[in-house]
Amino acid sequence: MDEEDDKDDPNEGNRKPSKPRSWTWNHFTKDPKSKSSHPMAKCNWCRVSYARDSHRNCTTNMLYHLLNQCNKIFRDSGDPSQTILTF
């Protein structure tokens, strides 16, 4: 690992906060317990963690998880906090 990888972006404090652009963020939550050097995000459905560094690990791995791996996601639902009724 290079030393440059360990350093924080010097302009990070000057940036304007931005809204996440990918729809995958509707199904993932940024993990506040993760280290700042290795930020993580957890699936709202099955609680699996994925790397969320915007320069190294884009939302592609989270998208793949939602479409192919997550067995607990209700495919037609937009909000995991909603209760699913069964009769």
N, C-alpha and C. Protein backbone atom coordinates (compact mmCIF):
# COMPACT_ATOMS: atom_id res chain seq x y z
N MET A 1 0.84 -1.17 0.00
CA MET A 1 0.00 0.00 0.00
C MET A 1 0.89 1.24 0.00
N ASP A 2 0.59 2.24 -0.82
CA ASP A 2 1.37 3.45 -0.88
C ASP A 2 1.06 4.36 0.28
N GLU A 3 2.01 5.24 0.61
CA GLU A 3 1.77 6.20 1.66
C GLU A 3 0.68 7.18 1.28
N GLU A 4 0.55 7.46 -0.01
CA GLU A 4 -0.47 8.39 -0.46
C GLU A 4 -1.87 7.87 -0.18
N ASP A 5 -2.04 6.55 -0.18
CA ASP A 5 -3.35 5.96 0.08
C ASP A 5 -3.81 6.21 1.50
N ASP A 6 -2.86 6.35 2.43
CA ASP A 6 -3.19 6.53 3.84
C ASP A 6 -3.54 7.97 4.19
N LYS A 7 -3.14 8.92 3.35
CA LYS A 7 -3.36 10.33 3.64
C LYS A 7 -4.77 10.73 3.26
N ASP A 8 -5.34 11.64 4.05
CA ASP A 8 -6.66 12.17 3.73
C ASP A 8 -6.53 13.21 2.63
N ASP A 9 -7.58 13.44 1.90
CA ASP A 9 -7.61 14.45 0.86
C ASP A 9 -7.50 15.83 1.50
N PRO A 10 -6.53 16.65 1.11
CA PRO A 10 -6.35 17.96 1.75
C PRO A 10 -7.53 18.91 1.52
N ASN A 11 -8.30 18.72 0.47
CA ASN A 11 -9.45 19.57 0.18
C ASN A 11 -10.75 19.04 0.77
N GLU A 12 -10.67 17.94 1.52
CA GLU A 12 -11.88 17.30 2.02
C GLU A 12 -12.71 18.23 2.89
N GLY A 13 -12.08 19.04 3.74
CA GLY A 13 -12.80 19.95 4.62
C GLY A 13 -13.42 21.12 3.88
N ASN A 14 -12.95 21.42 2.67
CA ASN A 14 -13.44 22.55 1.91
C ASN A 14 -14.59 22.19 0.97
N ARG A 15 -14.89 20.93 0.86
CA ARG A 15 -15.92 20.49 -0.08
C ARG A 15 -17.32 20.73 0.48
N LYS A 16 -18.20 21.04 -0.41
CA LYS A 16 -19.61 21.20 -0.06
C LYS A 16 -20.23 19.81 0.06
N PRO A 17 -20.99 19.52 1.11
CA PRO A 17 -21.62 18.20 1.24
C PRO A 17 -22.53 17.93 0.05
N SER A 18 -22.48 16.71 -0.45
CA SER A 18 -23.30 16.36 -1.61
C SER A 18 -24.21 15.19 -1.28
N LYS A 19 -25.30 15.12 -2.00
CA LYS A 19 -26.27 14.05 -1.84
C LYS A 19 -25.76 12.82 -2.61
N PRO A 20 -25.84 11.62 -2.02
CA PRO A 20 -25.45 10.41 -2.77
C PRO A 20 -26.26 10.29 -4.05
N ARG A 21 -25.59 9.93 -5.15
CA ARG A 21 -26.25 9.92 -6.46
C ARG A 21 -26.87 8.58 -6.82
N SER A 22 -26.35 7.49 -6.34
CA SER A 22 -26.81 6.17 -6.76
C SER A 22 -28.03 5.73 -5.95
N TRP A 23 -28.96 5.03 -6.62
CA TRP A 23 -30.15 4.51 -5.93
C TRP A 23 -29.77 3.44 -4.91
N THR A 24 -28.56 2.88 -5.02
CA THR A 24 -28.15 1.86 -4.05
C THR A 24 -28.10 2.43 -2.64
N TRP A 25 -27.90 3.75 -2.51
CA TRP A 25 -27.85 4.35 -1.17
C TRP A 25 -29.22 4.33 -0.49
N ASN A 26 -30.28 4.04 -1.22
CA ASN A 26 -31.60 3.86 -0.59
C ASN A 26 -31.65 2.56 0.20
N HIS A 27 -30.70 1.66 -0.06
CA HIS A 27 -30.69 0.34 0.58
C HIS A 27 -29.45 0.11 1.44
N PHE A 28 -28.57 1.09 1.54
CA PHE A 28 -27.37 0.99 2.36
C PHE A 28 -27.27 2.19 3.28
N THR A 29 -26.64 1.98 4.45
CA THR A 29 -26.41 3.03 5.42
C THR A 29 -24.92 3.11 5.69
N LYS A 30 -24.40 4.33 5.73
CA LYS A 30 -22.99 4.50 6.06
C LYS A 30 -22.76 4.07 7.50
N ASP A 31 -21.75 3.25 7.71
CA ASP A 31 -21.46 2.70 9.04
C ASP A 31 -20.61 3.69 9.83
N PRO A 32 -21.18 4.31 10.88
CA PRO A 32 -20.41 5.29 11.66
C PRO A 32 -19.30 4.65 12.49
N LYS A 33 -19.37 3.34 12.70
CA LYS A 33 -18.35 2.65 13.49
C LYS A 33 -17.12 2.27 12.67
N SER A 34 -17.18 2.43 11.36
CA SER A 34 -16.05 2.06 10.51
C SER A 34 -14.93 3.09 10.64
N LYS A 35 -13.72 2.64 10.37
CA LYS A 35 -12.55 3.52 10.45
C LYS A 35 -12.61 4.53 9.31
N SER A 36 -12.10 5.73 9.55
CA SER A 36 -12.12 6.75 8.50
C SER A 36 -11.20 6.37 7.34
N SER A 37 -10.19 5.55 7.61
CA SER A 37 -9.30 5.11 6.54
C SER A 37 -9.94 4.03 5.67
N HIS A 38 -10.94 3.32 6.20
CA HIS A 38 -11.65 2.27 5.46
C HIS A 38 -13.15 2.40 5.73
N PRO A 39 -13.80 3.42 5.13
CA PRO A 39 -15.23 3.60 5.38
C PRO A 39 -16.06 2.44 4.84
N MET A 40 -17.09 2.08 5.57
CA MET A 40 -17.94 0.95 5.21
C MET A 40 -19.40 1.40 5.14
N ALA A 41 -20.20 0.59 4.45
CA ALA A 41 -21.64 0.79 4.39
C ALA A 41 -22.31 -0.56 4.63
N LYS A 42 -23.45 -0.56 5.35
CA LYS A 42 -24.17 -1.79 5.65
C LYS A 42 -25.46 -1.86 4.87
N CYS A 43 -25.76 -3.07 4.39
CA CYS A 43 -27.02 -3.31 3.70
C CYS A 43 -28.15 -3.19 4.72
N ASN A 44 -29.18 -2.44 4.39
CA ASN A 44 -30.32 -2.27 5.30
C ASN A 44 -31.14 -3.54 5.43
N TRP A 45 -30.97 -4.47 4.52
CA TRP A 45 -31.75 -5.70 4.52
C TRP A 45 -31.08 -6.81 5.30
N CYS A 46 -29.83 -7.10 4.98
CA CYS A 46 -29.17 -8.26 5.60
C CYS A 46 -27.99 -7.88 6.47
N ARG A 47 -27.67 -6.60 6.58
CA ARG A 47 -26.63 -6.06 7.46
C ARG A 47 -25.21 -6.45 7.05
N VAL A 48 -24.98 -6.86 5.82
CA VAL A 48 -23.64 -7.18 5.32
C VAL A 48 -22.92 -5.86 5.04
N SER A 49 -21.63 -5.78 5.38
CA SER A 49 -20.85 -4.56 5.19
C SER A 49 -20.04 -4.61 3.90
N TYR A 50 -19.95 -3.45 3.25
CA TYR A 50 -19.16 -3.29 2.04
C TYR A 50 -18.34 -2.02 2.15
N ALA A 51 -17.18 -2.00 1.49
CA ALA A 51 -16.35 -0.81 1.44
C ALA A 51 -17.09 0.28 0.66
N ARG A 52 -16.92 1.53 1.11
CA ARG A 52 -17.65 2.62 0.44
C ARG A 52 -16.75 3.79 0.07
N ASP A 53 -15.47 3.58 -0.09
CA ASP A 53 -14.56 4.63 -0.50
C ASP A 53 -14.91 5.06 -1.92
N SER A 54 -15.23 6.33 -2.11
CA SER A 54 -15.72 6.80 -3.40
C SER A 54 -14.68 6.73 -4.51
N HIS A 55 -13.40 6.66 -4.17
CA HIS A 55 -12.37 6.60 -5.20
C HIS A 55 -11.95 5.17 -5.52
N ARG A 56 -12.10 4.27 -4.59
CA ARG A 56 -11.65 2.89 -4.79
C ARG A 56 -12.82 1.92 -4.99
N ASN A 57 -13.82 2.02 -4.16
CA ASN A 57 -14.95 1.09 -4.20
C ASN A 57 -16.22 1.89 -4.43
N CYS A 58 -16.58 2.02 -5.66
CA CYS A 58 -17.80 2.76 -5.98
C CYS A 58 -19.01 1.93 -5.54
N THR A 59 -20.16 2.30 -5.97
CA THR A 59 -21.38 1.60 -5.57
C THR A 59 -21.61 0.34 -6.37
N THR A 60 -20.70 -0.02 -7.27
CA THR A 60 -20.88 -1.20 -8.11
C THR A 60 -21.00 -2.47 -7.28
N ASN A 61 -20.15 -2.62 -6.25
CA ASN A 61 -20.23 -3.82 -5.42
C ASN A 61 -21.53 -3.87 -4.63
N MET A 62 -22.03 -2.73 -4.21
CA MET A 62 -23.30 -2.69 -3.48
C MET A 62 -24.47 -3.00 -4.42
N LEU A 63 -24.40 -2.49 -5.64
CA LEU A 63 -25.42 -2.77 -6.64
C LEU A 63 -25.48 -4.27 -6.95
N TYR A 64 -24.31 -4.88 -7.15
CA TYR A 64 -24.25 -6.31 -7.42
C TYR A 64 -24.85 -7.10 -6.25
N HIS A 65 -24.54 -6.67 -5.02
CA HIS A 65 -25.09 -7.34 -3.84
C HIS A 65 -26.62 -7.30 -3.86
N LEU A 66 -27.19 -6.14 -4.13
CA LEU A 66 -28.65 -6.00 -4.12
C LEU A 66 -29.32 -6.82 -5.21
N LEU A 67 -28.71 -6.84 -6.39
CA LEU A 67 -29.34 -7.52 -7.52
C LEU A 67 -29.12 -9.03 -7.53
N ASN A 68 -28.03 -9.50 -6.94
CA ASN A 68 -27.69 -10.92 -7.08
C ASN A 68 -27.46 -11.70 -5.79
N GLN A 69 -27.10 -11.04 -4.72
CA GLN A 69 -26.70 -11.78 -3.52
C GLN A 69 -27.65 -11.66 -2.34
N CYS A 70 -28.25 -10.51 -2.15
CA CYS A 70 -29.08 -10.28 -0.97
C CYS A 70 -30.39 -11.06 -1.07
N ASN A 71 -30.55 -12.03 -0.20
CA ASN A 71 -31.75 -12.87 -0.21
C ASN A 71 -32.91 -12.25 0.57
N LYS A 72 -32.62 -11.27 1.40
CA LYS A 72 -33.66 -10.70 2.25
C LYS A 72 -34.37 -9.50 1.64
N ILE A 73 -33.85 -8.98 0.55
CA ILE A 73 -34.47 -7.81 -0.06
C ILE A 73 -35.77 -8.22 -0.74
N PHE A 74 -36.78 -7.42 -0.53
CA PHE A 74 -38.05 -7.62 -1.21
C PHE A 74 -37.94 -6.85 -2.52
N ARG A 75 -37.87 -7.52 -3.62
CA ARG A 75 -37.49 -6.94 -4.91
C ARG A 75 -38.36 -5.76 -5.35
N ASP A 76 -39.62 -5.74 -5.01
CA ASP A 76 -40.49 -4.66 -5.47
C ASP A 76 -40.68 -3.57 -4.43
N SER A 77 -40.04 -3.68 -3.30
CA SER A 77 -40.21 -2.71 -2.23
C SER A 77 -39.16 -1.62 -2.34
N GLY A 78 -39.54 -0.40 -2.01
CA GLY A 78 -38.60 0.70 -2.02
C GLY A 78 -38.10 1.07 -0.65
N ASP A 79 -38.79 0.61 0.40
CA ASP A 79 -38.42 1.04 1.74
C ASP A 79 -38.35 -0.18 2.67
N PRO A 80 -37.13 -0.54 3.14
CA PRO A 80 -36.99 -1.72 3.99
C PRO A 80 -37.60 -1.53 5.38
N SER A 81 -37.94 -0.30 5.77
CA SER A 81 -38.53 -0.09 7.08
C SER A 81 -40.02 -0.43 7.09
N GLN A 82 -40.62 -0.63 5.90
CA GLN A 82 -42.02 -0.98 5.82
C GLN A 82 -42.22 -2.45 6.18
N THR A 83 -43.26 -2.73 6.91
CA THR A 83 -43.59 -4.09 7.30
C THR A 83 -44.27 -4.81 6.13
N ILE A 84 -43.86 -6.06 5.91
CA ILE A 84 -44.48 -6.87 4.86
C ILE A 84 -45.51 -7.77 5.52
N LEU A 85 -46.74 -7.64 5.08
CA LEU A 85 -47.82 -8.44 5.65
C LEU A 85 -47.96 -9.76 4.90
N THR A 86 -48.15 -10.82 5.66
CA THR A 86 -48.40 -12.12 5.04
C THR A 86 -49.70 -12.68 5.59
N PHE A 87 -50.45 -13.34 4.77
CA PHE A 87 -51.74 -13.89 5.19
C PHE A 87 -51.75 -15.39 5.03
